């Protein structure tokens, strides 16, 4: 996850003189020098490095100067206090950073971490980091055992369990988790945890992943401090391809992607021979789905989109009156036959509209029937005249 972010910074198209939009932040600082280059590099939070852009190139790759030199005019320039507050510079223990630069002094126990987790984390990440509520799981069991599942391939072995990617099994560096907990958790109150609380939560997460530090199990009594933190080695630290850590990362990435078989092109003769048709390896079994099998469909298959014809039933005025009107209008009551004179002077259309839409006097729309407007008007005429037209 985090190495892939740096990988995106390092990997630019291997085509000669390819022009690619590429952004490098803070590249002019640092102490390490990549092989064959005279420029410095900047260590990244996950152990990777960022290379400076010189003469519109970063190492062997061209970049888009319009992208790298673009200015953003929104907002304002942060002041020194704001920069100091949010400028996180944490680096794991690597060949380029043997002391784990930026990791503060502090300590926290698994016991305290569990207490904090139960109070502020469990509602999103579940009991013992099992996940839930749309938030990721932090543990699924023993990190060392689960790391071995990352190479499971269901195409080759349909019975194999899929890869289990959680913090313990997948994460390459613990530094990124420590930083994210301190600066981004919990979501409603980010940046509210102290350094010691961050160590405690980190210890608890290591505990539920059944991990060890320097050969010692992170058990329920374990207390994590900076010295022990620097000795943490994640099970999957070497599990990513290509290797993007170290000063020679960029040339290494270029060499890696120069061989097609490294990323699936096993039958392309290392890219020397182009393949346009039938490029799939013959050893792969392909089972094509045959059309057929079901011949009798009920109802028969049909592409006609016409709606079924609506059955038209002639209105039986007297029957409709008996079933739907007589309860209120029997013997022309409510209003009675003599009362219609008070309504008809307003115009028959007004009478129709009142009946169709309903009135506040208790008349439901269309008397509660599903008659068409035309049939309802016929019923109104019958109520007024007492005759079927």
Protein backbone atom coordinates (compact mmCIF):
# COMPACT_ATOMS: atom_id res chain seq x y z
CA UNK A 1 0.00 0.00 0.00
CA UNK A 2 2.54 2.56 1.16
CA UNK A 3 5.39 1.28 -0.94
CA UNK A 4 3.14 1.43 -3.93
CA UNK A 5 2.69 5.15 -3.32
CA UNK A 6 6.41 5.67 -3.63
CA UNK A 7 6.49 3.23 -6.50
CA UNK A 8 4.16 5.59 -8.34
CA UNK A 9 6.65 8.37 -7.71
CA UNK A 10 9.56 6.33 -9.06
CA UNK A 11 8.07 4.45 -11.97
CA UNK A 12 7.79 6.41 -15.18
CA UNK A 13 7.29 4.85 -18.60
CA UNK A 14 10.36 2.93 -19.75
CA UNK A 15 9.92 4.26 -23.28
CA UNK A 16 12.89 6.33 -24.41
CA UNK A 17 12.31 10.04 -23.92
CA UNK A 18 8.77 9.46 -22.68
CA UNK A 19 7.24 12.66 -21.35
CA UNK A 20 5.26 11.92 -18.20
CA UNK A 21 3.58 14.14 -15.60
CA UNK A 22 5.65 13.50 -12.51
CA UNK A 23 5.78 15.33 -9.18
CA UNK A 24 8.55 15.21 -6.58
CA UNK A 25 8.19 17.01 -3.26
CA UNK A 26 11.10 18.16 -1.13
CA UNK A 27 13.68 16.57 -3.40
CA UNK A 28 16.61 18.83 -2.81
CA UNK A 29 17.31 17.64 0.71
CA UNK A 30 18.83 14.42 1.96
CA UNK A 31 22.16 12.70 2.12
CA UNK A 32 22.00 9.57 0.00
CA UNK A 33 23.18 9.51 -3.59
CA UNK A 34 21.85 7.04 -6.17
CA UNK A 35 24.29 4.94 -8.12
CA UNK A 36 25.72 6.80 -11.09
CA UNK A 37 24.12 10.13 -10.12
CA UNK A 38 25.56 13.25 -8.58
CA UNK A 39 22.33 14.48 -7.04
CA UNK A 40 20.91 13.87 -3.58
CA UNK A 41 17.73 12.00 -2.78
CA UNK A 42 15.14 12.40 -0.05
CA UNK A 43 14.15 9.52 2.20
CA UNK A 44 10.47 8.69 2.23
CA UNK A 45 8.31 7.72 5.19
CA UNK A 46 8.13 4.08 4.08
CA UNK A 47 11.80 3.57 3.28
CA UNK A 48 11.71 4.58 -0.36
CA UNK A 49 13.42 7.62 -1.79
CA UNK A 50 12.41 10.58 -3.92
CA UNK A 51 14.72 11.84 -6.66
CA UNK A 52 15.20 15.46 -7.71
CA UNK A 53 14.35 16.69 -11.17
CA UNK A 54 17.42 17.94 -13.03
CA UNK A 55 17.24 19.23 -16.60
CA UNK A 56 13.66 17.97 -16.88
CA UNK A 57 14.74 14.43 -16.01
CA UNK A 58 14.73 12.28 -12.90
CA UNK A 59 17.46 9.71 -13.35
CA UNK A 60 16.86 8.30 -16.87
CA UNK A 61 13.26 9.43 -17.15
CA UNK A 62 11.84 12.60 -18.60
CA UNK A 63 9.22 14.52 -16.71
CA UNK A 64 6.74 17.19 -17.68
CA UNK A 65 8.20 20.54 -16.54
CA UNK A 66 4.76 22.15 -16.72
CA UNK A 67 3.50 19.65 -14.16
CA UNK A 68 6.50 19.77 -11.84
CA UNK A 69 6.69 23.55 -12.00
CA UNK A 70 2.98 24.23 -11.63
CA UNK A 71 1.97 26.76 -9.02
CA UNK A 72 -1.14 26.40 -6.91
CA UNK A 73 -2.68 29.74 -6.09
CA UNK A 74 -5.48 28.57 -3.83
CA UNK A 75 -5.41 29.37 -0.13
CA UNK A 76 -2.37 30.93 1.52
CA UNK A 77 1.19 30.06 2.42
CA UNK A 78 1.26 28.25 5.79
CA UNK A 79 3.10 29.99 8.58
CA UNK A 80 6.11 28.53 10.34
CA UNK A 81 4.08 27.18 13.27
CA UNK A 82 1.66 25.39 10.93
CA UNK A 83 4.49 23.86 8.96
CA UNK A 84 6.24 22.68 12.09
CA UNK A 85 3.00 21.16 13.42
CA UNK A 86 2.18 19.12 10.34
CA UNK A 87 5.57 18.47 8.74
CA UNK A 88 5.91 14.79 9.66
CA UNK A 89 9.34 13.33 8.98
CA UNK A 90 9.38 9.71 10.13
CA UNK A 91 11.68 7.18 8.52
CA UNK A 92 12.01 3.47 9.26
CA UNK A 93 15.28 1.73 9.90
CA UNK A 94 16.88 1.17 6.50
CA UNK A 95 20.37 1.26 5.04
CA UNK A 96 19.78 4.93 4.30
CA UNK A 97 18.32 5.66 7.74
CA UNK A 98 19.90 3.27 10.28
CA UNK A 99 18.61 5.27 13.26
CA UNK A 100 15.00 5.59 12.11
CA UNK A 101 14.98 9.37 11.83
CA UNK A 102 12.05 11.28 13.36
CA UNK A 103 10.73 8.55 15.65
CA UNK A 104 10.22 10.19 19.07
CA UNK A 105 11.06 8.87 22.51
CA UNK A 106 8.17 7.36 24.41
CA UNK A 107 6.63 4.09 25.55
CA UNK A 108 3.32 2.32 25.89
CA UNK A 109 2.11 -1.09 27.04
CA UNK A 110 -0.13 -3.62 25.32
CA UNK A 111 -2.48 -3.39 28.31
CA UNK A 112 -2.85 0.38 27.97
CA UNK A 113 -3.20 0.03 24.21
CA UNK A 114 -6.10 -2.39 24.63
CA UNK A 115 -7.85 0.07 26.95
CA UNK A 116 -7.45 2.90 24.44
CA UNK A 117 -8.54 0.62 21.59
CA UNK A 118 -11.71 -0.45 23.38
CA UNK A 119 -12.57 3.18 24.12
CA UNK A 120 -11.75 4.82 20.79
CA UNK A 121 -11.15 2.25 18.05
CA UNK A 122 -13.33 -0.83 18.47
CA UNK A 123 -16.48 0.78 17.08
CA UNK A 124 -14.86 1.02 13.64
CA UNK A 125 -12.18 -1.67 13.57
CA UNK A 126 -14.05 -4.37 15.51
CA UNK A 127 -13.12 -6.61 18.42
CA UNK A 128 -9.43 -7.54 18.34
CA UNK A 129 -9.05 -5.65 15.06
CA UNK A 130 -11.39 -7.97 13.18
CA UNK A 131 -12.87 -5.12 11.11
CA UNK A 132 -16.41 -3.98 10.53
CA UNK A 133 -18.55 -0.97 9.77
CA UNK A 134 -16.78 -0.37 6.50
CA UNK A 135 -13.39 0.10 8.14
CA UNK A 136 -10.43 -2.24 7.55
CA UNK A 137 -9.47 -5.16 9.71
CA UNK A 138 -6.19 -4.76 11.57
CA UNK A 139 -5.65 -8.45 12.27
CA UNK A 140 -6.85 -11.82 11.06
CA UNK A 141 -4.52 -13.97 13.12
CA UNK A 142 -0.81 -14.78 13.13
CA UNK A 143 0.96 -12.31 10.86
CA UNK A 144 3.73 -14.72 9.89
CA UNK A 145 1.31 -17.43 8.81
CA UNK A 146 -0.95 -15.01 6.95
CA UNK A 147 2.00 -13.44 5.11
CA UNK A 148 2.49 -16.77 3.38
CA UNK A 149 -1.02 -16.50 1.88
CA UNK A 150 -0.03 -13.43 -0.14
CA UNK A 151 1.35 -15.65 -2.90
CA UNK A 152 -1.77 -17.82 -3.07
CA UNK A 153 -3.11 -17.97 -6.60
CA UNK A 154 -6.61 -19.30 -7.17
CA UNK A 155 -5.98 -19.57 -10.92
CA UNK A 156 -3.35 -22.18 -10.19
CA UNK A 157 -5.00 -23.69 -7.12
CA UNK A 158 -8.79 -23.17 -6.95
CA UNK A 159 -8.80 -24.73 -3.48
CA UNK A 160 -6.37 -22.20 -2.02
CA UNK A 161 -7.54 -19.46 0.28
CA UNK A 162 -7.17 -15.99 -1.13
CA UNK A 163 -4.43 -13.65 0.09
CA UNK A 164 -5.09 -12.12 3.51
CA UNK A 165 -3.95 -8.50 3.47
CA UNK A 166 -4.05 -6.87 6.88
CA UNK A 167 -1.52 -4.80 8.79
CA UNK A 168 0.48 -7.70 10.18
CA UNK A 169 0.66 -9.78 7.02
CA UNK A 170 0.92 -7.09 4.33
CA UNK A 171 2.38 -3.86 5.70
CA UNK A 172 6.09 -3.43 4.84
CA UNK A 173 6.98 -0.85 7.50
CA UNK A 174 5.52 -0.22 10.95
CA UNK A 175 6.57 3.44 10.80
CA UNK A 176 3.65 4.36 8.59
CA UNK A 177 1.16 2.86 11.04
CA UNK A 178 2.69 4.69 13.99
CA UNK A 179 2.52 7.97 12.07
CA UNK A 180 -1.07 7.40 10.89
CA UNK A 181 -2.30 6.53 14.38
CA UNK A 182 -0.68 9.63 15.87
CA UNK A 183 -1.72 12.12 13.19
CA UNK A 184 -4.95 10.66 11.81
CA UNK A 185 -6.69 8.58 14.46
CA UNK A 186 -9.32 8.37 15.73
CA UNK A 187 -11.23 9.94 12.86
CA UNK A 188 -13.49 12.23 14.91
CA UNK A 189 -10.53 13.48 17.00
CA UNK A 190 -7.45 13.08 14.81
CA UNK A 191 -4.13 14.31 16.19
CA UNK A 192 -5.44 13.92 19.73
CA UNK A 193 -3.32 10.97 20.89
CA UNK A 194 -0.08 11.48 22.80
CA UNK A 195 3.20 9.84 21.82
CA UNK A 196 2.86 7.29 24.65
CA UNK A 197 -0.72 6.48 23.64
CA UNK A 198 0.47 5.95 20.09
CA UNK A 199 3.15 3.53 21.29
CA UNK A 200 0.52 1.72 23.37
CA UNK A 201 -1.86 1.31 20.44
CA UNK A 202 0.99 0.15 18.21
CA UNK A 203 1.96 -2.42 20.84
CA UNK A 204 -1.62 -3.69 21.05
CA UNK A 205 -1.92 -4.05 17.27
CA UNK A 206 1.37 -5.96 17.19
CA UNK A 207 -0.02 -8.16 19.97
CA UNK A 208 -3.24 -9.09 18.18
CA UNK A 209 -1.16 -9.91 15.10
CA UNK A 210 0.90 -12.33 17.26
CA UNK A 211 4.15 -10.68 16.26
CA UNK A 212 7.64 -10.72 17.75
CA UNK A 213 10.26 -8.03 18.22
CA UNK A 214 13.87 -9.19 18.15
CA UNK A 215 12.74 -12.74 18.90
CA UNK A 216 10.51 -11.74 21.84
CA UNK A 217 6.75 -12.24 21.61
CA UNK A 218 4.67 -9.09 22.01
CA UNK A 219 2.52 -10.58 24.77
CA UNK A 220 -0.05 -8.99 27.07
CA UNK A 221 2.67 -7.67 29.41
CA UNK A 222 4.86 -6.17 26.69
CA UNK A 223 5.93 -2.52 26.86
CA UNK A 224 6.99 -0.91 23.58
CA UNK A 225 9.48 1.95 23.49
CA UNK A 226 11.57 3.64 20.81
CA UNK A 227 14.53 1.26 21.11
CA UNK A 228 12.28 -1.78 20.67
CA UNK A 229 10.29 -0.05 17.94
CA UNK A 230 13.45 0.34 15.84
CA UNK A 231 13.93 -3.45 15.96
CA UNK A 232 10.52 -4.29 14.47
CA UNK A 233 10.75 -6.19 11.21
CA UNK A 234 7.47 -6.69 9.42
CA UNK A 235 6.91 -10.15 7.88
CA UNK A 236 6.31 -8.67 4.43
CA UNK A 237 9.09 -6.09 4.38
CA UNK A 238 10.69 -7.87 1.40
CA UNK A 239 7.43 -8.94 -0.19
CA UNK A 240 7.03 -6.22 -2.82
CA UNK A 241 8.31 -6.18 -6.39
CA UNK A 242 10.22 -4.35 -7.62
CA UNK A 243 12.34 -3.33 -4.65
CA UNK A 244 12.04 0.44 -4.39
CA UNK A 245 14.06 0.94 -1.22
CA UNK A 246 17.54 2.36 -1.21
CA UNK A 247 19.63 4.68 -3.33
CA UNK A 248 19.67 2.31 -6.32
CA UNK A 249 15.91 1.94 -6.42
CA UNK A 250 15.25 3.82 -9.65
CA UNK A 251 17.84 1.98 -11.77
CA UNK A 252 16.59 -1.24 -10.19
CA UNK A 253 12.99 -0.48 -11.17
CA UNK A 254 14.12 0.23 -14.72
CA UNK A 255 16.00 -3.05 -14.92
CA UNK A 256 13.07 -4.95 -13.42
CA UNK A 257 10.57 -3.68 -15.97
CA UNK A 258 13.06 -4.24 -18.74
CA UNK A 259 12.32 -7.96 -18.43
CA UNK A 260 8.76 -8.79 -19.42
CA UNK A 261 8.79 -12.13 -17.62
CA UNK A 262 9.03 -10.27 -14.30
CA UNK A 263 5.44 -9.09 -14.65
CA UNK A 264 3.65 -11.85 -16.54
CA UNK A 265 5.03 -11.72 -20.07
CA UNK A 266 6.36 -15.25 -19.80
CA UNK A 267 6.02 -16.14 -23.48
CA UNK A 268 7.24 -12.89 -25.02
CA UNK A 269 10.95 -13.78 -25.13
CA UNK A 270 11.76 -10.97 -22.70
CA UNK A 271 10.01 -8.47 -24.92
CA UNK A 272 12.26 -9.03 -27.95
CA UNK A 273 9.47 -10.64 -29.96
CA UNK A 274 6.08 -9.00 -30.08
CA UNK A 275 3.04 -11.19 -29.74
CA UNK A 276 -0.25 -10.04 -31.26
CA UNK A 277 -2.38 -13.20 -31.34
CA UNK A 278 -2.64 -16.43 -29.32
CA UNK A 279 -0.20 -15.12 -26.72
CA UNK A 280 -1.58 -17.11 -23.81
CA UNK A 281 0.63 -19.89 -22.54
CA UNK A 282 -0.49 -23.27 -23.87
CA UNK A 283 -0.15 -24.78 -20.39
CA UNK A 284 -3.14 -22.78 -19.19
CA UNK A 285 -6.39 -24.70 -19.44
CA UNK A 286 -9.20 -22.70 -21.01
CA UNK A 287 -12.78 -23.87 -20.63
CA UNK A 288 -15.11 -21.92 -22.85
CA UNK A 289 -18.78 -21.61 -21.91
CA UNK A 290 -20.98 -23.19 -24.54
CA UNK A 291 -24.26 -21.52 -25.41
CA UNK A 292 -27.20 -23.78 -24.76
CA UNK A 293 -28.22 -26.29 -22.14
CA UNK A 294 -31.62 -24.73 -21.52
CA UNK A 295 -33.99 -24.85 -24.45
CA UNK A 296 -37.44 -24.62 -22.93
CA UNK A 297 -38.21 -21.27 -21.33
CA UNK A 298 -41.47 -20.30 -19.65
CA UNK A 299 -42.56 -17.89 -20.86
CA UNK A 300 -40.78 -18.37 -24.19
CA UNK A 301 -37.87 -16.01 -24.80
CA UNK A 302 -39.06 -12.92 -26.61
CA UNK A 303 -37.61 -9.54 -27.47
CA UNK A 304 -40.99 -7.85 -27.88
CA UNK A 305 -41.26 -4.82 -25.64
CA UNK A 306 -44.96 -4.00 -26.13
CA UNK A 307 -47.08 -3.74 -23.01
CA UNK A 308 -49.95 -6.20 -22.83
CA UNK A 309 -53.22 -4.85 -24.15
CA UNK A 310 -55.39 -3.43 -21.40
CA UNK A 311 -58.69 -5.21 -21.08
CA UNK A 312 -61.57 -2.78 -21.53
CA UNK A 313 -64.71 -3.62 -19.56
CA UNK A 314 -67.90 -1.68 -20.24
CA UNK A 315 -69.08 0.33 -17.27
CA UNK A 316 -72.09 -1.16 -15.49
CA UNK A 317 -73.52 2.02 -14.01
CA UNK A 318 -76.13 0.52 -11.70
CA UNK A 319 -73.81 -2.19 -10.42
CA UNK A 320 -71.06 0.35 -9.76
CA UNK A 321 -73.54 2.59 -7.97
CA UNK A 322 -74.70 -0.25 -5.73
CA UNK A 323 -71.15 -1.39 -4.90
CA UNK A 324 -69.33 1.94 -4.63
CA UNK A 325 -71.80 4.84 -4.27
CA UNK A 326 -75.01 3.76 -2.58
CA UNK A 327 -73.54 3.65 0.91
CA UNK A 328 -73.28 7.45 0.91
CA UNK A 329 -75.57 8.45 -1.94
CA UNK A 330 -78.47 6.01 -1.48
CA UNK A 331 -81.78 7.66 -2.41
CA UNK A 332 -79.66 10.53 -3.70
CA UNK A 333 -78.69 11.51 -0.17
CA UNK A 334 -75.54 13.36 0.79
CA UNK A 335 -76.31 15.36 -1.17
CA UNK A 336 -79.82 14.31 -1.93
CA UNK A 337 -81.41 14.87 -5.30
CA UNK A 338 -82.80 18.22 -4.20
CA UNK A 339 -79.37 19.32 -3.02
CA UNK A 340 -77.66 19.04 -6.41
CA UNK A 341 -79.13 22.38 -7.34
CA UNK A 342 -76.63 23.99 -4.98
CA UNK A 343 -73.68 22.49 -6.88
CA UNK A 344 -74.59 22.46 -10.54
CA UNK A 345 -74.83 26.27 -10.96
CA UNK A 346 -71.02 26.34 -10.49
CA UNK A 347 -70.76 24.32 -13.65
CA UNK A 348 -70.69 20.61 -14.20
CA UNK A 349 -66.90 20.70 -14.73
CA UNK A 350 -66.51 21.96 -11.16
CA UNK A 351 -68.69 19.10 -9.91
CA UNK A 352 -66.60 16.63 -11.88
CA UNK A 353 -63.33 18.12 -10.52
CA UNK A 354 -64.53 17.96 -6.91
CA UNK A 355 -65.50 14.33 -7.30
CA UNK A 356 -62.31 13.32 -9.09
CA UNK A 357 -59.99 15.09 -6.65
CA UNK A 358 -62.05 14.60 -3.48
CA UNK A 359 -63.36 17.22 -1.08
CA UNK A 360 -62.81 18.23 2.53
CA UNK A 361 -66.43 17.33 3.23
CA UNK A 362 -65.60 13.63 3.26
CA UNK A 363 -65.74 12.74 -0.44
CA UNK A 364 -62.63 10.66 -1.29
CA UNK A 365 -61.07 11.03 -4.71
CA UNK A 366 -63.34 9.24 -7.19
CA UNK A 367 -65.24 7.87 -4.23
CA UNK A 368 -62.34 5.54 -3.53
CA UNK A 369 -62.76 3.72 -6.85
CA UNK A 370 -60.27 3.14 -9.65
CA UNK A 371 -62.65 4.35 -12.34
CA UNK A 372 -61.28 6.29 -15.26
CA UNK A 373 -62.13 9.98 -15.37
CA UNK A 374 -64.63 9.34 -18.15
CA UNK A 375 -66.42 6.55 -16.28
CA UNK A 376 -66.48 8.59 -13.10
CA UNK A 377 -68.15 11.47 -14.91
CA UNK A 378 -70.76 9.00 -16.16
CA UNK A 379 -71.45 8.00 -12.56
CA UNK A 380 -71.80 11.69 -11.54
CA UNK A 381 -74.30 12.20 -14.34
CA UNK A 382 -76.26 9.21 -13.06
CA UNK A 383 -76.28 10.56 -9.50
CA UNK A 384 -77.58 13.93 -10.67
CA UNK A 385 -80.19 12.72 -13.15
CA UNK A 386 -81.03 9.25 -11.86
CA UNK A 387 -80.88 8.03 -15.44
CA UNK A 388 -78.38 5.90 -17.33
CA UNK A 389 -77.39 7.68 -20.49
